Amino acid sequence: MGEEKAMKEFETMWSIRQQDLDKKERLSKMRLLDSLIAKEPLVEYEEALKKKLINELLLS
């Protein structure tokens, strides 16, 4: 019974950690996109990255 409770607590903590990492990754992408939007003109690879980030952030 104690192991089952410990396993549920671990799964809960793991789930919270995964959500936290997902949010941090999204914020990182948003910061990068913000810096690309603020920078003009963009070189070709930066423009491609900007479009990719916009698509990812809009679809998630």
PDB file of N, CA and C in Angstrom:
ATOM      1  N   MET A   1       0.827  -1.189   0.000  1.00  0.00           N
ATOM      2  CA  MET A   1       0.000   0.000   0.000  1.00  0.00           C
ATOM      3  C   MET A   1       0.875   1.257   0.000  1.00  0.00           C
ATOM      4  N   GLY A   2       1.950   1.290   0.769  1.00  0.00           N
ATOM      5  CA  GLY A   2       2.840   2.435   0.825  1.00  0.00           C
ATOM      6  C   GLY A   2       3.559   2.666  -0.490  1.00  0.00           C
ATOM      7  N   GLU A   3       3.941   1.582  -1.165  1.00  0.00           N
ATOM      8  CA  GLU A   3       4.611   1.709  -2.460  1.00  0.00           C
ATOM      9  C   GLU A   3       3.671   2.284  -3.512  1.00  0.00           C
ATOM     10  N   GLU A   4       2.414   1.887  -3.433  1.00  0.00           N
ATOM     11  CA  GLU A   4       1.419   2.384  -4.392  1.00  0.00           C
ATOM     12  C   GLU A   4       1.223   3.895  -4.227  1.00  0.00           C
ATOM     13  N   LYS A   5       1.173   4.348  -2.979  1.00  0.00           N
ATOM     14  CA  LYS A   5       1.018   5.778  -2.710  1.00  0.00           C
ATOM     15  C   LYS A   5       2.254   6.540  -3.203  1.00  0.00           C
ATOM     16  N   ALA A   6       3.426   5.996  -2.932  1.00  0.00           N
ATOM     17  CA  ALA A   6       4.665   6.634  -3.368  1.00  0.00           C
ATOM     18  C   ALA A   6       4.726   6.710  -4.895  1.00  0.00           C
ATOM     19  N   MET A   7       4.265   5.662  -5.559  1.00  0.00           N
ATOM     20  CA  MET A   7       4.265   5.650  -7.018  1.00  0.00           C
ATOM     21  C   MET A   7       3.312   6.717  -7.564  1.00  0.00           C
ATOM     22  N   LYS A   8       2.141   6.865  -6.972  1.00  0.00           N
ATOM     23  CA  LYS A   8       1.186   7.887  -7.409  1.00  0.00           C
ATOM     24  C   LYS A   8       1.754   9.287  -7.193  1.00  0.00           C
ATOM     25  N   GLU A   9       2.420   9.505  -6.058  1.00  0.00           N
ATOM     26  CA  GLU A   9       3.042  10.805  -5.787  1.00  0.00           C
ATOM     27  C   GLU A   9       4.133  11.100  -6.811  1.00  0.00           C
ATOM     28  N   PHE A  10       4.925  10.087  -7.136  1.00  0.00           N
ATOM     29  CA  PHE A  10       5.975  10.258  -8.133  1.00  0.00           C
ATOM     30  C   PHE A  10       5.379  10.606  -9.491  1.00  0.00           C
ATOM     31  N   GLU A  11       4.326   9.896  -9.889  1.00  0.00           N
ATOM     32  CA  GLU A  11       3.672  10.158 -11.174  1.00  0.00           C
ATOM     33  C   GLU A  11       3.099  11.569 -11.211  1.00  0.00           C
ATOM     34  N   THR A  12       2.539  12.018 -10.092  1.00  0.00           N
ATOM     35  CA  THR A  12       2.000  13.377 -10.012  1.00  0.00           C
ATOM     36  C   THR A  12       3.115  14.393 -10.150  1.00  0.00           C
ATOM     37  N   MET A  13       4.206  14.197  -9.432  1.00  0.00           N
ATOM     38  CA  MET A  13       5.343  15.113  -9.518  1.00  0.00           C
ATOM     39  C   MET A  13       5.932  15.108 -10.924  1.00  0.00           C
ATOM     40  N   TRP A  14       6.018  13.945 -11.539  1.00  0.00           N
ATOM     41  CA  TRP A  14       6.560  13.844 -12.886  1.00  0.00           C
ATOM     42  C   TRP A  14       5.677  14.601 -13.878  1.00  0.00           C
ATOM     43  N   SER A  15       4.385  14.464 -13.728  1.00  0.00           N
ATOM     44  CA  SER A  15       3.441  15.168 -14.599  1.00  0.00           C
ATOM     45  C   SER A  15       3.580  16.685 -14.454  1.00  0.00           C
ATOM     46  N   ILE A  16       3.688  17.148 -13.229  1.00  0.00           N
ATOM     47  CA  ILE A  16       3.869  18.583 -12.980  1.00  0.00           C
ATOM     48  C   ILE A  16       5.187  19.050 -13.588  1.00  0.00           C
ATOM     49  N   ARG A  17       6.228  18.264 -13.453  1.00  0.00           N
ATOM     50  CA  ARG A  17       7.540  18.617 -14.005  1.00  0.00           C
ATOM     51  C   ARG A  17       7.483  18.709 -15.533  1.00  0.00           C
ATOM     52  N   GLN A  18       6.802  17.761 -16.153  1.00  0.00           N
ATOM     53  CA  GLN A  18       6.667  17.774 -17.608  1.00  0.00           C
ATOM     54  C   GLN A  18       5.916  19.019 -18.069  1.00  0.00           C
ATOM     55  N   GLN A  19       4.853  19.376 -17.372  1.00  0.00           N
ATOM     56  CA  GLN A  19       4.093  20.581 -17.708  1.00  0.00           C
ATOM     57  C   GLN A  19       4.975  21.819 -17.569  1.00  0.00           C
ATOM     58  N   ASP A  20       5.767  21.854 -16.515  1.00  0.00           N
ATOM     59  CA  ASP A  20       6.680  22.975 -16.281  1.00  0.00           C
ATOM     60  C   ASP A  20       7.702  23.089 -17.411  1.00  0.00           C
ATOM     61  N   LEU A  21       8.276  21.962 -17.815  1.00  0.00           N
ATOM     62  CA  LEU A  21       9.263  21.971 -18.906  1.00  0.00           C
ATOM     63  C   LEU A  21       8.623  22.407 -20.220  1.00  0.00           C
ATOM     64  N   ASP A  22       7.399  21.961 -20.471  1.00  0.00           N
ATOM     65  CA  ASP A  22       6.698  22.361 -21.691  1.00  0.00           C
ATOM     66  C   ASP A  22       6.461  23.868 -21.713  1.00  0.00           C
ATOM     67  N   LYS A  23       6.073  24.423 -20.581  1.00  0.00           N
ATOM     68  CA  LYS A  23       5.834  25.869 -20.503  1.00  0.00           C
ATOM     69  C   LYS A  23       7.128  26.654 -20.671  1.00  0.00           C
ATOM     70  N   LYS A  24       8.209  26.165 -20.078  1.00  0.00           N
ATOM     71  CA  LYS A  24       9.505  26.833 -20.224  1.00  0.00           C
ATOM     72  C   LYS A  24       9.974  26.803 -21.671  1.00  0.00           C
ATOM     73  N   GLU A  25       9.757  25.684 -22.343  1.00  0.00           N
ATOM     74  CA  GLU A  25      10.153  25.579 -23.747  1.00  0.00           C
ATOM     75  C   GLU A  25       9.341  26.554 -24.599  1.00  0.00           C
ATOM     76  N   ARG A  26       8.052  26.659 -24.333  1.00  0.00           N
ATOM     77  CA  ARG A  26       7.194  27.588 -25.076  1.00  0.00           C
ATOM     78  C   ARG A  26       7.646  29.037 -24.848  1.00  0.00           C
ATOM     79  N   LEU A  27       7.955  29.375 -23.596  1.00  0.00           N
ATOM     80  CA  LEU A  27       8.437  30.726 -23.304  1.00  0.00           C
ATOM     81  C   LEU A  27       9.762  31.015 -24.008  1.00  0.00           C
ATOM     82  N   SER A  28      10.618  30.036 -24.057  1.00  0.00           N
ATOM     83  CA  SER A  28      11.901  30.203 -24.738  1.00  0.00           C
ATOM     84  C   SER A  28      11.684  30.470 -26.224  1.00  0.00           C
ATOM     85  N   LYS A  29      10.784  29.721 -26.828  1.00  0.00           N
ATOM     86  CA  LYS A  29      10.476  29.930 -28.237  1.00  0.00           C
ATOM     87  C   LYS A  29       9.859  31.311 -28.461  1.00  0.00           C
ATOM     88  N   MET A  30       9.018  31.736 -27.542  1.00  0.00           N
ATOM     89  CA  MET A  30       8.389  33.050 -27.675  1.00  0.00           C
ATOM     90  C   MET A  30       9.422  34.166 -27.567  1.00  0.00           C
ATOM     91  N   ARG A  31      10.380  34.016 -26.659  1.00  0.00           N
ATOM     92  CA  ARG A  31      11.450  35.014 -26.531  1.00  0.00           C
ATOM     93  C   ARG A  31      12.297  35.089 -27.797  1.00  0.00           C
ATOM     94  N   LEU A  32      12.614  33.928 -28.346  1.00  0.00           N
ATOM     95  CA  LEU A  32      13.398  33.883 -29.574  1.00  0.00           C
ATOM     96  C   LEU A  32      12.624  34.538 -30.720  1.00  0.00           C
ATOM     97  N   LEU A  33      11.351  34.222 -30.832  1.00  0.00           N
ATOM     98  CA  LEU A  33      10.519  34.834 -31.870  1.00  0.00           C
ATOM     99  C   LEU A  33      10.449  36.342 -31.678  1.00  0.00           C
ATOM    100  N   ASP A  34      10.296  36.777 -30.444  1.00  0.00           N
ATOM    101  CA  ASP A  34      10.238  38.210 -30.153  1.00  0.00           C
ATOM    102  C   ASP A  34      11.523  38.906 -30.608  1.00  0.00           C
ATOM    103  N   SER A  35      12.665  38.279 -30.348  1.00  0.00           N
ATOM    104  CA  SER A  35      13.930  38.896 -30.758  1.00  0.00           C
ATOM    105  C   SER A  35      14.069  38.912 -32.277  1.00  0.00           C
ATOM    106  N   LEU A  36      13.541  37.895 -32.954  1.00  0.00           N
ATOM    107  CA  LEU A  36      13.598  37.879 -34.412  1.00  0.00           C
ATOM    108  C   LEU A  36      12.667  38.928 -35.013  1.00  0.00           C
ATOM    109  N   ILE A  37      11.512  39.112 -34.408  1.00  0.00           N
ATOM    110  CA  ILE A  37      10.568  40.115 -34.897  1.00  0.00           C
ATOM    111  C   ILE A  37      11.154  41.513 -34.733  1.00  0.00           C
ATOM    112  N   ALA A  38      11.858  41.734 -33.632  1.00  0.00           N
ATOM    113  CA  ALA A  38      12.430  43.054 -33.359  1.00  0.00           C
ATOM    114  C   ALA A  38      13.614  43.371 -34.277  1.00  0.00           C
ATOM    115  N   LYS A  39      14.245  42.333 -34.807  1.00  0.00           N
ATOM    116  CA  LYS A  39      15.428  42.530 -35.641  1.00  0.00           C
ATOM    117  C   LYS A  39      15.020  42.608 -37.118  1.00  0.00           C
ATOM    118  N   GLU A  40      15.416  43.645 -37.752  1.00  0.00           N
ATOM    119  CA  GLU A  40      15.168  43.791 -39.188  1.00  0.00           C
ATOM    120  C   GLU A  40      16.408  44.368 -39.831  1.00  0.00           C
ATOM    121  N   PRO A  41      16.797  44.000 -40.977  1.00  0.00           N
ATOM    122  CA  PRO A  41      16.264  42.898 -41.783  1.00  0.00           C
ATOM    123  C   PRO A  41      16.839  41.554 -41.306  1.00  0.00           C
ATOM    124  N   LEU A  42      16.123  40.508 -41.626  1.00  0.00           N
ATOM    125  CA  LEU A  42      16.549  39.163 -41.249  1.00  0.00           C
ATOM    126  C   LEU A  42      17.240  38.493 -42.426  1.00  0.00           C
ATOM    127  N   VAL A  43      18.252  37.703 -42.094  1.00  0.00           N
ATOM    128  CA  VAL A  43      18.866  36.889 -43.137  1.00  0.00           C
ATOM    129  C   VAL A  43      17.949  35.699 -43.392  1.00  0.00           C
ATOM    130  N   GLU A  44      18.205  34.969 -44.437  1.00  0.00           N
ATOM    131  CA  GLU A  44      17.305  33.907 -44.884  1.00  0.00           C
ATOM    132  C   GLU A  44      17.014  32.867 -43.803  1.00  0.00           C
ATOM    133  N   TYR A  45      18.053  32.379 -43.117  1.00  0.00           N
ATOM    134  CA  TYR A  45      17.826  31.341 -42.104  1.00  0.00           C
ATOM    135  C   TYR A  45      17.049  31.887 -40.911  1.00  0.00           C
ATOM    136  N   GLU A  46      17.215  33.159 -40.575  1.00  0.00           N
ATOM    137  CA  GLU A  46      16.451  33.760 -39.478  1.00  0.00           C
ATOM    138  C   GLU A  46      14.972  33.889 -39.867  1.00  0.00           C
ATOM    139  N   GLU A  47      14.709  34.243 -41.097  1.00  0.00           N
ATOM    140  CA  GLU A  47      13.331  34.339 -41.583  1.00  0.00           C
ATOM    141  C   GLU A  47      12.663  32.969 -41.550  1.00  0.00           C
ATOM    142  N   ALA A  48      13.398  31.937 -41.952  1.00  0.00           N
ATOM    143  CA  ALA A  48      12.866  30.574 -41.920  1.00  0.00           C
ATOM    144  C   ALA A  48      12.571  30.151 -40.483  1.00  0.00           C
ATOM    145  N   LEU A  49      13.465  30.476 -39.564  1.00  0.00           N
ATOM    146  CA  LEU A  49      13.261  30.153 -38.158  1.00  0.00           C
ATOM    147  C   LEU A  49      12.045  30.890 -37.604  1.00  0.00           C
ATOM    148  N   LYS A  50      11.905  32.148 -37.975  1.00  0.00           N
ATOM    149  CA  LYS A  50      10.764  32.944 -37.524  1.00  0.00           C
ATOM    150  C   LYS A  50       9.455  32.302 -37.975  1.00  0.00           C
ATOM    151  N   LYS A  51       9.385  31.901 -39.230  1.00  0.00           N
ATOM    152  CA  LYS A  51       8.169  31.256 -39.749  1.00  0.00           C
ATOM    153  C   LYS A  51       7.896  29.936 -39.037  1.00  0.00           C
ATOM    154  N   LYS A  52       8.960  29.173 -38.794  1.00  0.00           N
ATOM    155  CA  LYS A  52       8.804  27.886 -38.095  1.00  0.00           C
ATOM    156  C   LYS A  52       8.279  28.101 -36.679  1.00  0.00           C
ATOM    157  N   LEU A  53       8.834  29.068 -35.969  1.00  0.00           N
ATOM    158  CA  LEU A  53       8.389  29.349 -34.606  1.00  0.00           C
ATOM    159  C   LEU A  53       6.938  29.817 -34.575  1.00  0.00           C
ATOM    160  N   ILE A  54       6.565  30.659 -35.516  1.00  0.00           N
ATOM    161  CA  ILE A  54       5.183  31.130 -35.580  1.00  0.00           C
ATOM    162  C   ILE A  54       4.236  29.947 -35.780  1.00  0.00           C
ATOM    163  N   ASN A  55       4.574  29.057 -36.706  1.00  0.00           N
ATOM    164  CA  ASN A  55       3.732  27.884 -36.938  1.00  0.00           C
ATOM    165  C   ASN A  55       3.635  27.013 -35.698  1.00  0.00           C
ATOM    166  N   GLU A  56       4.753  26.754 -35.050  1.00  0.00           N
ATOM    167  CA  GLU A  56       4.755  25.906 -33.857  1.00  0.00           C
ATOM    168  C   GLU A  56       3.918  26.513 -32.740  1.00  0.00           C
ATOM    169  N   LEU A  57       4.078  27.812 -32.529  1.00  0.00           N
ATOM    170  CA  LEU A  57       3.368  28.462 -31.423  1.00  0.00           C
ATOM    171  C   LEU A  57       1.875  28.589 -31.712  1.00  0.00           C
ATOM    172  N   LEU A  58       1.507  28.752 -32.951  1.00  0.00           N
ATOM    173  CA  LEU A  58       0.092  28.845 -33.284  1.00  0.00           C
ATOM    174  C   LEU A  58      -0.608  27.504 -33.239  1.00  0.00           C
ATOM    175  N   LEU A  59       0.116  26.444 -33.543  1.00  0.00           N
ATOM    176  CA  LEU A  59      -0.489  25.114 -33.576  1.00  0.00           C
ATOM    177  C   LEU A  59      -0.523  24.431 -32.207  1.00  0.00           C
ATOM    178  N   SER A  60       0.241  24.939 -31.272  1.00  0.00           N
ATOM    179  CA  SER A  60       0.265  24.287 -29.953  1.00  0.00           C
ATOM    180  C   SER A  60      -0.676  24.935 -28.977  1.00  0.00           C
TER     181      SER A  60
END
